[in-house]
């Protein structure tokens, strides 16, 4: 039954994608390749706040060009992390457009979506229905590793991905259970034991999290926390507690454009390209819409024996 349901969901999405790709933008011809070292064992792209909406074709076009630029200028990347508010209202049609386009344009990448407040109704009701829709849509494309709740993890080559989500019907307040906290600490422990970075994604900024979650992060190392929600005019990249092995990265809306004219902003398309080797992590700030590299830095992976518990500054 589940396999049939997933097949049916994907079939509808294929139809939506075929329609939406008619006349859609191509990749930027004069874009900039992201340099890739030969010893990279994992390459991950990160975006947030796509806000796919059925009647907004400008936003759809921005997304299509961003994905095509990813394929052209970050070839061989392993996964795409989407930090929530992937849809505007959590409607089925929005998921069919979003997932249909993503599956068609990025057939070889692992797609790792995080649930945002808009994906579950933005506090306007129908939370349980839209929560279950998010899970069903995810499982339709991840039949070998289905989820039964909004928070989950995946082991990738060279890193561990951890998705956090509030399981409450709210637009700004987030509530995490004791179960999720214990699970989260276990995930960080597993990443540390394996000697790999933990890529933590939550729609809400780090400062929104309960103190216990922030202290769990600072008790570990090699943690990269990605979020969205604020729709800032640019990317915020900050060390946590001044440490080179803990990073807090907040992303703008990927598809920022004028609702009436389609005019984009300078920060439209900004995201992160993360490249991981056995010894270091390179963080590239990249505009996937304009296909331009804007910043880059590399930090070493710290051995677990060097971690020290520190109270969070947030």
Foldseek 3Di string as FASTA:
>chain_A
DLLVLLVVLQVLLLVLQVVLPVVADAEDPPFAADDDDPQFFAKEWEAEQLQQDDPQSLSLSLVLRLLNLCCVRVNPHAAYEYQESQHQALDSVSLSPSVSSCCVSPVRHHYHYAYALNQQGQLPDPNVVSQVSVQSSNCSVVVVDGDDGRWDWDDDGQEIETHDEASDRHNQAGDDDPVVLVVLLVSLVVRQVVLGAYEYGHQDFPVRDDQSNVLSQLQFFQYEYEYESPQDQAKDWDAWVPDPGRITIYAHNQRAADRPPSHHDPRHQWIWIWTGGSWKIKIWTARSSRNYTDDIDMDTRDRGVPRHRDGTPD
